[in-house]
């Protein structure tokens, strides 16, 4: 699962920045408010497109099928 971290009210934990911590913990992307909706939607659209391509390649009927036969 991909995670996009977005700042909320405060952006600091003591001397640590929340977004830096989120990145260290493995978030895929980080967004600092204020941001434009396009900035949020672009990575989501890219993930959806990658999913569609993968799904099509895995489940396409045009994909060659391999049949194995056991020797007599």
Protein backbone atom coordinates (compact mmCIF):
# COMPACT_ATOMS: atom_id res chain seq x y z
CA UNK A 1 0.00 0.00 0.00
CA UNK A 2 1.33 3.43 -0.87
CA UNK A 3 1.01 6.17 1.75
CA UNK A 4 0.88 9.91 1.09
CA UNK A 5 1.62 11.92 4.24
CA UNK A 6 0.01 15.37 4.44
CA UNK A 7 0.69 17.99 7.10
CA UNK A 8 -2.11 18.87 9.48
CA UNK A 9 -2.07 21.50 12.19
CA UNK A 10 1.43 21.49 13.66
CA UNK A 11 4.33 20.31 11.56
CA UNK A 12 6.84 19.53 14.32
CA UNK A 13 7.41 16.88 17.03
CA UNK A 14 9.95 18.59 19.23
CA UNK A 15 12.84 19.11 16.82
CA UNK A 16 11.55 16.55 14.26
CA UNK A 17 9.41 17.52 11.29
CA UNK A 18 6.34 15.25 10.86
CA UNK A 19 6.89 14.90 7.11
CA UNK A 20 10.54 13.90 7.60
CA UNK A 21 9.42 11.27 10.11
CA UNK A 22 6.73 10.03 7.69
CA UNK A 23 9.34 9.70 4.94
CA UNK A 24 11.69 7.81 7.29
CA UNK A 25 8.82 5.45 8.15
CA UNK A 26 8.26 4.69 4.48
CA UNK A 27 5.59 7.02 3.14
CA UNK A 28 5.58 7.08 -0.66
CA UNK A 29 5.00 10.84 -0.94
CA UNK A 30 4.74 13.83 1.35
CA UNK A 31 2.67 16.99 0.83
CA UNK A 32 3.02 20.24 2.69
CA UNK A 33 -0.15 22.33 3.02
CA UNK A 34 -1.29 24.35 1.22
CA UNK A 35 -1.05 22.34 -1.98
CA UNK A 36 -3.04 22.24 -5.18
CA UNK A 37 -5.41 19.33 -5.75
CA UNK A 38 -3.44 18.38 -8.88
CA UNK A 39 -0.39 17.77 -6.66
CA UNK A 40 -2.38 15.17 -4.73
CA UNK A 41 -4.18 13.62 -7.69
CA UNK A 42 -1.14 13.15 -9.99
CA UNK A 43 0.53 10.38 -7.94
CA UNK A 44 -2.84 8.70 -7.39
CA UNK A 45 -3.60 8.74 -11.13
CA UNK A 46 -0.13 7.31 -11.85
CA UNK A 47 -0.73 4.43 -9.41
CA UNK A 48 -4.16 3.71 -10.92
CA UNK A 49 -2.69 3.65 -14.42
CA UNK A 50 0.13 1.29 -13.32
CA UNK A 51 -2.49 -0.97 -11.70
CA UNK A 52 -4.59 -1.03 -14.87
CA UNK A 53 -1.58 -1.94 -17.02
CA UNK A 54 -0.56 -4.71 -14.62
CA UNK A 55 -4.10 -6.06 -14.38
CA UNK A 56 -4.47 -6.06 -18.16
CA UNK A 57 -1.16 -7.85 -18.67
CA UNK A 58 -1.98 -10.50 -16.06
CA UNK A 59 -5.56 -11.25 -17.05
CA UNK A 60 -5.58 -10.57 -20.78
CA UNK A 61 -7.07 -13.40 -22.87
CA UNK A 62 -4.45 -12.63 -25.53
CA UNK A 63 -1.75 -13.80 -23.15
CA UNK A 64 -0.24 -17.07 -24.44
CA UNK A 65 -1.23 -20.14 -22.49
CA UNK A 66 1.15 -22.99 -21.93
CA UNK A 67 -0.19 -26.48 -21.71
CA UNK A 68 1.94 -29.27 -20.40
CA UNK A 69 1.32 -32.93 -21.07
CA UNK A 70 2.69 -35.81 -19.11
CA UNK A 71 4.67 -38.43 -21.03
CA UNK A 72 2.83 -41.79 -21.57
